[in-house]
N, C-alpha and C. Protein backbone atom coordinates (compact mmCIF):
# COMPACT_ATOMS: atom_id res chain seq x y z
N UNK A 1 -6.24 11.84 -3.48
CA UNK A 1 -6.95 11.31 -2.34
C UNK A 1 -5.95 10.61 -1.43
N UNK A 2 -6.19 10.68 -0.15
CA UNK A 2 -5.32 10.01 0.83
C UNK A 2 -6.03 8.78 1.36
N UNK A 3 -5.28 7.69 1.48
CA UNK A 3 -5.83 6.41 1.90
C UNK A 3 -4.99 5.87 3.05
N UNK A 4 -5.67 5.43 4.11
CA UNK A 4 -4.99 4.76 5.21
C UNK A 4 -4.89 3.28 4.87
N UNK A 5 -3.67 2.75 4.99
CA UNK A 5 -3.40 1.37 4.59
C UNK A 5 -2.74 0.63 5.73
N UNK A 6 -3.23 -0.56 6.02
CA UNK A 6 -2.57 -1.47 6.96
C UNK A 6 -1.88 -2.53 6.11
N UNK A 7 -0.57 -2.66 6.26
CA UNK A 7 0.23 -3.54 5.41
C UNK A 7 0.55 -4.84 6.11
N UNK A 8 0.35 -5.93 5.40
CA UNK A 8 0.79 -7.25 5.85
C UNK A 8 1.86 -7.71 4.88
N UNK A 9 3.12 -7.58 5.30
CA UNK A 9 4.25 -7.95 4.45
C UNK A 9 4.55 -9.44 4.59
N UNK A 10 5.28 -9.97 3.63
CA UNK A 10 5.67 -11.39 3.60
C UNK A 10 4.45 -12.31 3.60
N UNK A 11 3.39 -11.89 2.94
CA UNK A 11 2.18 -12.70 2.86
C UNK A 11 2.32 -13.75 1.76
N UNK A 12 1.49 -14.75 1.79
CA UNK A 12 1.54 -15.79 0.76
C UNK A 12 0.98 -15.31 -0.56
N UNK A 13 0.03 -14.40 -0.51
CA UNK A 13 -0.56 -13.88 -1.74
C UNK A 13 -0.75 -12.38 -1.62
N UNK A 14 -0.95 -11.73 -2.76
CA UNK A 14 -1.18 -10.30 -2.76
C UNK A 14 -2.68 -10.03 -2.83
N UNK A 15 -3.14 -9.10 -2.01
CA UNK A 15 -4.57 -8.80 -1.97
C UNK A 15 -4.79 -7.39 -1.43
N UNK A 16 -5.92 -6.81 -1.84
CA UNK A 16 -6.38 -5.53 -1.32
C UNK A 16 -7.79 -5.75 -0.80
N UNK A 17 -8.03 -5.41 0.48
CA UNK A 17 -9.33 -5.60 1.10
C UNK A 17 -9.77 -4.28 1.72
N UNK A 18 -10.95 -3.80 1.31
CA UNK A 18 -11.52 -2.59 1.92
C UNK A 18 -12.09 -2.94 3.29
N UNK A 19 -11.85 -2.09 4.27
CA UNK A 19 -12.37 -2.26 5.62
C UNK A 19 -13.61 -1.37 5.79
N UNK A 20 -14.48 -1.69 6.74
CA UNK A 20 -15.69 -0.88 6.94
C UNK A 20 -15.42 0.59 7.28
N UNK A 21 -14.26 0.89 7.87
CA UNK A 21 -13.95 2.28 8.23
C UNK A 21 -13.37 3.08 7.06
N UNK A 22 -13.30 2.48 5.87
CA UNK A 22 -12.79 3.18 4.70
C UNK A 22 -11.32 3.01 4.45
N UNK A 23 -10.62 2.30 5.32
CA UNK A 23 -9.20 2.06 5.12
C UNK A 23 -9.03 0.77 4.30
N UNK A 24 -7.78 0.49 3.95
CA UNK A 24 -7.46 -0.71 3.19
C UNK A 24 -6.52 -1.60 3.98
N UNK A 25 -6.64 -2.90 3.78
CA UNK A 25 -5.63 -3.85 4.23
C UNK A 25 -5.00 -4.39 2.96
N UNK A 26 -3.68 -4.26 2.87
CA UNK A 26 -2.97 -4.69 1.67
C UNK A 26 -1.95 -5.76 2.07
N UNK A 27 -2.02 -6.89 1.39
CA UNK A 27 -1.07 -7.98 1.61
C UNK A 27 -0.11 -8.02 0.43
N UNK A 28 1.20 -8.06 0.73
CA UNK A 28 2.21 -8.15 -0.32
C UNK A 28 3.19 -9.26 0.03
N UNK A 29 3.81 -9.81 -0.98
CA UNK A 29 4.76 -10.91 -0.79
C UNK A 29 6.13 -10.44 -0.34
N UNK A 30 6.45 -9.20 -0.60
CA UNK A 30 7.78 -8.67 -0.29
C UNK A 30 7.99 -8.54 1.22
N UNK A 31 9.21 -8.79 1.68
CA UNK A 31 9.50 -8.61 3.11
C UNK A 31 9.68 -7.13 3.44
N UNK A 32 9.50 -6.77 4.71
CA UNK A 32 9.66 -5.37 5.10
C UNK A 32 11.13 -5.00 5.30
N UNK A 33 11.92 -5.13 4.25
CA UNK A 33 13.35 -4.88 4.31
C UNK A 33 13.71 -3.85 3.24
N UNK A 34 14.40 -2.80 3.63
CA UNK A 34 14.91 -1.78 2.71
C UNK A 34 13.82 -1.17 1.83
N UNK A 35 12.60 -1.05 2.35
CA UNK A 35 11.53 -0.40 1.61
C UNK A 35 10.89 -1.24 0.52
N UNK A 36 11.22 -2.53 0.47
CA UNK A 36 10.68 -3.38 -0.59
C UNK A 36 9.18 -3.57 -0.45
N UNK A 37 8.67 -3.73 0.78
CA UNK A 37 7.23 -3.89 0.98
C UNK A 37 6.50 -2.59 0.64
N UNK A 38 7.06 -1.45 0.99
CA UNK A 38 6.43 -0.17 0.66
C UNK A 38 6.32 0.00 -0.85
N UNK A 39 7.37 -0.35 -1.58
CA UNK A 39 7.35 -0.25 -3.04
C UNK A 39 6.31 -1.20 -3.64
N UNK A 40 6.20 -2.40 -3.07
CA UNK A 40 5.22 -3.37 -3.56
C UNK A 40 3.80 -2.89 -3.30
N UNK A 41 3.56 -2.27 -2.15
CA UNK A 41 2.23 -1.73 -1.85
C UNK A 41 1.90 -0.60 -2.82
N UNK A 42 2.86 0.28 -3.07
CA UNK A 42 2.62 1.39 -4.00
C UNK A 42 2.30 0.87 -5.40
N UNK A 43 3.02 -0.16 -5.84
CA UNK A 43 2.77 -0.74 -7.17
C UNK A 43 1.39 -1.39 -7.22
N UNK A 44 1.03 -2.09 -6.15
CA UNK A 44 -0.28 -2.75 -6.10
C UNK A 44 -1.41 -1.72 -6.10
N UNK A 45 -1.24 -0.64 -5.35
CA UNK A 45 -2.25 0.43 -5.33
C UNK A 45 -2.36 1.11 -6.69
N UNK A 46 -1.23 1.30 -7.36
CA UNK A 46 -1.25 1.92 -8.69
C UNK A 46 -2.04 1.05 -9.66
N UNK A 47 -1.85 -0.24 -9.60
CA UNK A 47 -2.62 -1.13 -10.46
C UNK A 47 -4.09 -1.15 -10.11
N UNK A 48 -4.39 -1.12 -8.83
CA UNK A 48 -5.79 -1.16 -8.38
C UNK A 48 -6.55 0.10 -8.82
N UNK A 49 -5.92 1.27 -8.67
CA UNK A 49 -6.57 2.52 -9.03
C UNK A 49 -6.32 2.92 -10.49
N UNK A 50 -5.57 2.11 -11.21
CA UNK A 50 -5.28 2.33 -12.63
C UNK A 50 -4.63 3.68 -12.88
N UNK A 51 -3.56 3.93 -12.13
CA UNK A 51 -2.76 5.14 -12.30
C UNK A 51 -1.31 4.70 -12.41
N UNK A 52 -0.43 5.56 -12.94
CA UNK A 52 0.99 5.20 -12.98
C UNK A 52 1.58 5.12 -11.57
N UNK A 53 2.65 4.36 -11.42
CA UNK A 53 3.30 4.22 -10.12
C UNK A 53 3.76 5.56 -9.56
N UNK A 54 4.10 6.47 -10.45
CA UNK A 54 4.56 7.79 -10.00
C UNK A 54 3.43 8.62 -9.38
N UNK A 55 2.19 8.20 -9.54
CA UNK A 55 1.05 8.91 -8.96
C UNK A 55 0.70 8.43 -7.56
N UNK A 56 1.41 7.41 -7.07
CA UNK A 56 1.18 6.89 -5.73
C UNK A 56 2.39 7.24 -4.87
N UNK A 57 2.13 7.92 -3.75
CA UNK A 57 3.22 8.39 -2.90
C UNK A 57 2.94 8.04 -1.45
N UNK A 58 3.95 7.55 -0.76
CA UNK A 58 3.85 7.26 0.67
C UNK A 58 4.02 8.56 1.43
N UNK A 59 2.99 8.92 2.20
CA UNK A 59 2.99 10.20 2.92
C UNK A 59 3.45 10.02 4.36
N UNK A 60 3.01 8.95 5.02
CA UNK A 60 3.34 8.74 6.43
C UNK A 60 3.42 7.25 6.73
N UNK A 61 4.26 6.88 7.67
CA UNK A 61 4.33 5.51 8.13
C UNK A 61 5.37 4.66 7.43
N UNK A 62 6.51 5.24 7.11
CA UNK A 62 7.54 4.51 6.38
C UNK A 62 7.95 3.22 7.11
N UNK A 63 8.06 3.27 8.43
CA UNK A 63 8.50 2.10 9.19
C UNK A 63 7.39 1.49 10.03
N UNK A 64 6.15 1.78 9.71
CA UNK A 64 5.01 1.30 10.47
C UNK A 64 4.13 0.41 9.59
N UNK A 65 3.32 -0.42 10.21
CA UNK A 65 2.35 -1.21 9.44
C UNK A 65 1.19 -0.36 8.97
N UNK A 66 0.90 0.68 9.74
CA UNK A 66 -0.18 1.61 9.39
C UNK A 66 0.44 2.74 8.57
N UNK A 67 0.01 2.92 7.34
CA UNK A 67 0.59 3.90 6.44
C UNK A 67 -0.48 4.79 5.83
N UNK A 68 -0.06 5.92 5.30
CA UNK A 68 -0.95 6.80 4.56
C UNK A 68 -0.33 7.00 3.18
N UNK A 69 -1.10 6.65 2.15
CA UNK A 69 -0.67 6.84 0.77
C UNK A 69 -1.52 7.91 0.12
N UNK A 70 -0.90 8.66 -0.77
CA UNK A 70 -1.62 9.65 -1.56
C UNK A 70 -1.66 9.14 -3.00
N UNK A 71 -2.87 9.11 -3.57
CA UNK A 71 -3.06 8.66 -4.94
C UNK A 71 -3.57 9.86 -5.73
N UNK A 72 -2.79 10.27 -6.74
CA UNK A 72 -3.20 11.37 -7.60
C UNK A 72 -3.74 10.81 -8.90
N UNK A 73 -4.90 11.25 -9.30
CA UNK A 73 -5.51 10.76 -10.56
C UNK A 73 -5.29 11.74 -11.68
């Protein structure tokens, strides 16, 4: 399944919030430097959907706040 994610990096706490349009807002503590925030979002999504980290892949938006992740179950 593909999920649209809006990322808030360098947040005080980590959280996943579903939006009314079906997208997610994900807050991570990692800064948006050298892909650290993207890796933290992928790990958080893997835990949320209870799949291994290798099953979560960033499809689009590597350098954007708006991203598309693919989660394979």
